Amino acid sequence: MTEPIVTQATEKFPTRYEISMNGILAGHTDYVDSGAQRIFFHTEIDDSFAGKGLASKLIRAALDSTRAQGKRIVPVCAFVKAFVAEHHEFDDILDKVTRQTVATLRAALN
């Protein structure tokens, strides 16, 4: 089995990072950009790939990419929220979820 590959799929809406194993889509984390913030709101790993640590690899790559692009992280997604709570190397680019964040997300997804 090869190493998982994470790609940013900007042509989709909502935009997302995808993780693949052996050329098969294993999961994704969805986000909406709002100014300098990247609002992560959903992460999903296919059941057939569960228990392999792919969600953590996906989120780490997505957050590293977010940092490299000069964006800040807003963790609406429960998995992303739990990940940043344990990985303090992202504290410097972490923003809290606010009412405005939720309103922005709802408007973008409707």
C-alpha atoms as a PDB file:
ATOM      1  CA  MET A   1       0.000   0.000   0.000  1.00  0.00           C
ATOM      2  CA  THR A   2       1.288   3.457  -0.868  1.00  0.00           C
ATOM      3  CA  GLU A   3       1.349   6.536   1.323  1.00  0.00           C
ATOM      4  CA  PRO A   4      -1.850   8.603   1.320  1.00  0.00           C
ATOM      5  CA  ILE A   5      -1.935  11.654  -0.944  1.00  0.00           C
ATOM      6  CA  VAL A   6      -3.687  14.881   0.090  1.00  0.00           C
ATOM      7  CA  THR A   7      -4.764  17.347  -2.587  1.00  0.00           C
ATOM      8  CA  GLN A   8      -6.641  20.628  -2.510  1.00  0.00           C
ATOM      9  CA  ALA A   9      -9.703  20.392  -4.749  1.00  0.00           C
ATOM     10  CA  THR A  10     -10.464  24.040  -5.447  1.00  0.00           C
ATOM     11  CA  GLU A  11     -12.684  23.335  -8.439  1.00  0.00           C
ATOM     12  CA  LYS A  12     -15.406  21.863  -6.201  1.00  0.00           C
ATOM     13  CA  PHE A  13     -17.872  23.729  -4.023  1.00  0.00           C
ATOM     14  CA  PRO A  14     -17.647  23.728  -1.198  1.00  0.00           C
ATOM     15  CA  THR A  15     -13.925  23.628  -1.619  1.00  0.00           C
ATOM     16  CA  ARG A  16     -12.109  20.773   0.019  1.00  0.00           C
ATOM     17  CA  TYR A  17      -8.971  18.839   0.690  1.00  0.00           C
ATOM     18  CA  GLU A  18      -9.144  15.198  -0.360  1.00  0.00           C
ATOM     19  CA  ILE A  19      -7.099  12.225   0.767  1.00  0.00           C
ATOM     20  CA  SER A  20      -6.548   9.243  -1.524  1.00  0.00           C
ATOM     21  CA  MET A  21      -5.026   5.808  -1.028  1.00  0.00           C
ATOM     22  CA  ASN A  22      -3.813   3.868  -4.045  1.00  0.00           C
ATOM     23  CA  GLY A  23      -5.718   6.244  -6.308  1.00  0.00           C
ATOM     24  CA  ILE A  24      -9.015   5.787  -4.425  1.00  0.00           C
ATOM     25  CA  LEU A  25     -10.695   8.729  -2.701  1.00  0.00           C
ATOM     26  CA  ALA A  26     -10.660   7.882   1.017  1.00  0.00           C
ATOM     27  CA  GLY A  27     -12.056  11.083   2.494  1.00  0.00           C
ATOM     28  CA  HIS A  28     -12.250  14.855   2.511  1.00  0.00           C
ATOM     29  CA  THR A  29     -12.502  17.944   4.673  1.00  0.00           C
ATOM     30  CA  ASP A  30     -14.679  20.791   3.416  1.00  0.00           C
ATOM     31  CA  TYR A  31     -14.147  24.496   3.952  1.00  0.00           C
ATOM     32  CA  VAL A  32     -15.292  27.957   2.959  1.00  0.00           C
ATOM     33  CA  ASP A  33     -12.889  30.883   2.711  1.00  0.00           C
ATOM     34  CA  SER A  34     -14.001  34.202   4.146  1.00  0.00           C
ATOM     35  CA  GLY A  35     -11.391  36.925   3.872  1.00  0.00           C
ATOM     36  CA  ALA A  36      -8.317  35.782   5.799  1.00  0.00           C
ATOM     37  CA  GLN A  37     -10.192  32.889   7.398  1.00  0.00           C
ATOM     38  CA  ARG A  38     -10.649  29.327   6.222  1.00  0.00           C
ATOM     39  CA  ILE A  39     -13.754  27.883   7.899  1.00  0.00           C
ATOM     40  CA  PHE A  40     -13.514  24.084   8.160  1.00  0.00           C
ATOM     41  CA  PHE A  41     -17.004  22.652   8.615  1.00  0.00           C
ATOM     42  CA  HIS A  42     -17.032  18.955   7.678  1.00  0.00           C
ATOM     43  CA  THR A  43     -14.608  16.032   7.607  1.00  0.00           C
ATOM     44  CA  GLU A  44     -15.437  12.546   6.395  1.00  0.00           C
ATOM     45  CA  ILE A  45     -13.448   9.348   5.901  1.00  0.00           C
ATOM     46  CA  ASP A  46     -15.010   6.433   4.005  1.00  0.00           C
ATOM     47  CA  ASP A  47     -15.802   3.511   6.305  1.00  0.00           C
ATOM     48  CA  SER A  48     -13.572   1.215   4.263  1.00  0.00           C
ATOM     49  CA  PHE A  49     -10.569   3.378   5.266  1.00  0.00           C
ATOM     50  CA  ALA A  50     -11.500   3.854   8.932  1.00  0.00           C
ATOM     51  CA  GLY A  51      -8.914   3.201  11.630  1.00  0.00           C
ATOM     52  CA  LYS A  52      -5.883   4.009   9.477  1.00  0.00           C
ATOM     53  CA  GLY A  53      -5.243   7.507  10.856  1.00  0.00           C
ATOM     54  CA  LEU A  54      -6.200   9.113   7.552  1.00  0.00           C
ATOM     55  CA  ALA A  55      -8.381  11.821   9.098  1.00  0.00           C
ATOM     56  CA  SER A  56      -5.455  13.128  11.147  1.00  0.00           C
ATOM     57  CA  LYS A  57      -3.137  13.040   8.128  1.00  0.00           C
ATOM     58  CA  LEU A  58      -5.761  14.846   6.064  1.00  0.00           C
ATOM     59  CA  ILE A  59      -6.345  17.562   8.656  1.00  0.00           C
ATOM     60  CA  ARG A  60      -2.632  18.114   9.324  1.00  0.00           C
ATOM     61  CA  ALA A  61      -1.980  18.557   5.585  1.00  0.00           C
ATOM     62  CA  ALA A  62      -5.000  20.860   5.198  1.00  0.00           C
ATOM     63  CA  LEU A  63      -3.938  23.037   8.137  1.00  0.00           C
ATOM     64  CA  ASP A  64      -0.329  23.172   6.934  1.00  0.00           C
ATOM     65  CA  SER A  65      -1.590  24.260   3.516  1.00  0.00           C
ATOM     66  CA  THR A  66      -3.876  26.849   5.115  1.00  0.00           C
ATOM     67  CA  ARG A  67      -0.897  28.302   6.990  1.00  0.00           C
ATOM     68  CA  ALA A  68       1.222  28.360   3.814  1.00  0.00           C
ATOM     69  CA  GLN A  69      -1.556  30.275   2.030  1.00  0.00           C
ATOM     70  CA  GLY A  70      -1.606  32.929   4.775  1.00  0.00           C
ATOM     71  CA  LYS A  71      -5.068  31.980   6.043  1.00  0.00           C
ATOM     72  CA  ARG A  72      -6.374  31.526   9.585  1.00  0.00           C
ATOM     73  CA  ILE A  73      -8.226  28.408  10.780  1.00  0.00           C
ATOM     74  CA  VAL A  74     -11.793  28.440  12.094  1.00  0.00           C
ATOM     75  CA  PRO A  75     -12.729  24.918  13.302  1.00  0.00           C
ATOM     76  CA  VAL A  76     -16.497  24.471  13.010  1.00  0.00           C
ATOM     77  CA  CYS A  77     -15.998  20.760  12.219  1.00  0.00           C
ATOM     78  CA  ALA A  78     -15.832  18.665  15.413  1.00  0.00           C
ATOM     79  CA  PHE A  79     -12.864  16.653  14.137  1.00  0.00           C
ATOM     80  CA  VAL A  80     -10.844  19.740  13.217  1.00  0.00           C
ATOM     81  CA  LYS A  81     -11.745  21.291  16.574  1.00  0.00           C
ATOM     82  CA  ALA A  82     -10.494  18.175  18.412  1.00  0.00           C
ATOM     83  CA  PHE A  83      -7.346  18.049  16.269  1.00  0.00           C
ATOM     84  CA  VAL A  84      -6.297  21.648  17.010  1.00  0.00           C
ATOM     85  CA  ALA A  85      -7.069  21.147  20.703  1.00  0.00           C
ATOM     86  CA  GLU A  86      -4.348  18.474  20.744  1.00  0.00           C
ATOM     87  CA  HIS A  87      -1.925  20.067  18.275  1.00  0.00           C
ATOM     88  CA  HIS A  88      -0.949  23.470  19.621  1.00  0.00           C
ATOM     89  CA  GLU A  89       1.403  24.230  16.733  1.00  0.00           C
ATOM     90  CA  PHE A  90      -1.643  25.775  15.033  1.00  0.00           C
ATOM     91  CA  ASP A  91      -2.628  28.059  17.942  1.00  0.00           C
ATOM     92  CA  ASP A  92      -1.046  31.101  16.255  1.00  0.00           C
ATOM     93  CA  ILE A  93      -3.446  30.881  13.294  1.00  0.00           C
ATOM     94  CA  LEU A  94      -6.532  29.650  15.162  1.00  0.00           C
ATOM     95  CA  ASP A  95      -9.695  31.761  15.426  1.00  0.00           C
ATOM     96  CA  LYS A  96     -12.730  30.969  17.549  1.00  0.00           C
ATOM     97  CA  VAL A  97     -16.076  30.167  16.002  1.00  0.00           C
ATOM     98  CA  THR A  98     -18.357  33.197  16.313  1.00  0.00           C
ATOM     99  CA  ARG A  99     -21.934  33.995  15.342  1.00  0.00           C
ATOM    100  CA  GLN A 100     -20.499  35.811  12.326  1.00  0.00           C
ATOM    101  CA  THR A 101     -18.567  32.674  11.342  1.00  0.00           C
ATOM    102  CA  VAL A 102     -21.754  30.605  11.456  1.00  0.00           C
ATOM    103  CA  ALA A 103     -23.695  33.241   9.501  1.00  0.00           C
ATOM    104  CA  THR A 104     -20.942  33.406   6.873  1.00  0.00           C
ATOM    105  CA  LEU A 105     -20.930  29.631   6.549  1.00  0.00           C
ATOM    106  CA  ARG A 106     -24.717  29.405   6.243  1.00  0.00           C
ATOM    107  CA  ALA A 107     -24.795  32.136   3.603  1.00  0.00           C
ATOM    108  CA  ALA A 108     -22.051  30.449   1.585  1.00  0.00           C
ATOM    109  CA  LEU A 109     -23.734  27.059   1.654  1.00  0.00           C
ATOM    110  CA  ASN A 110     -27.254  28.230   0.781  1.00  0.00           C
END
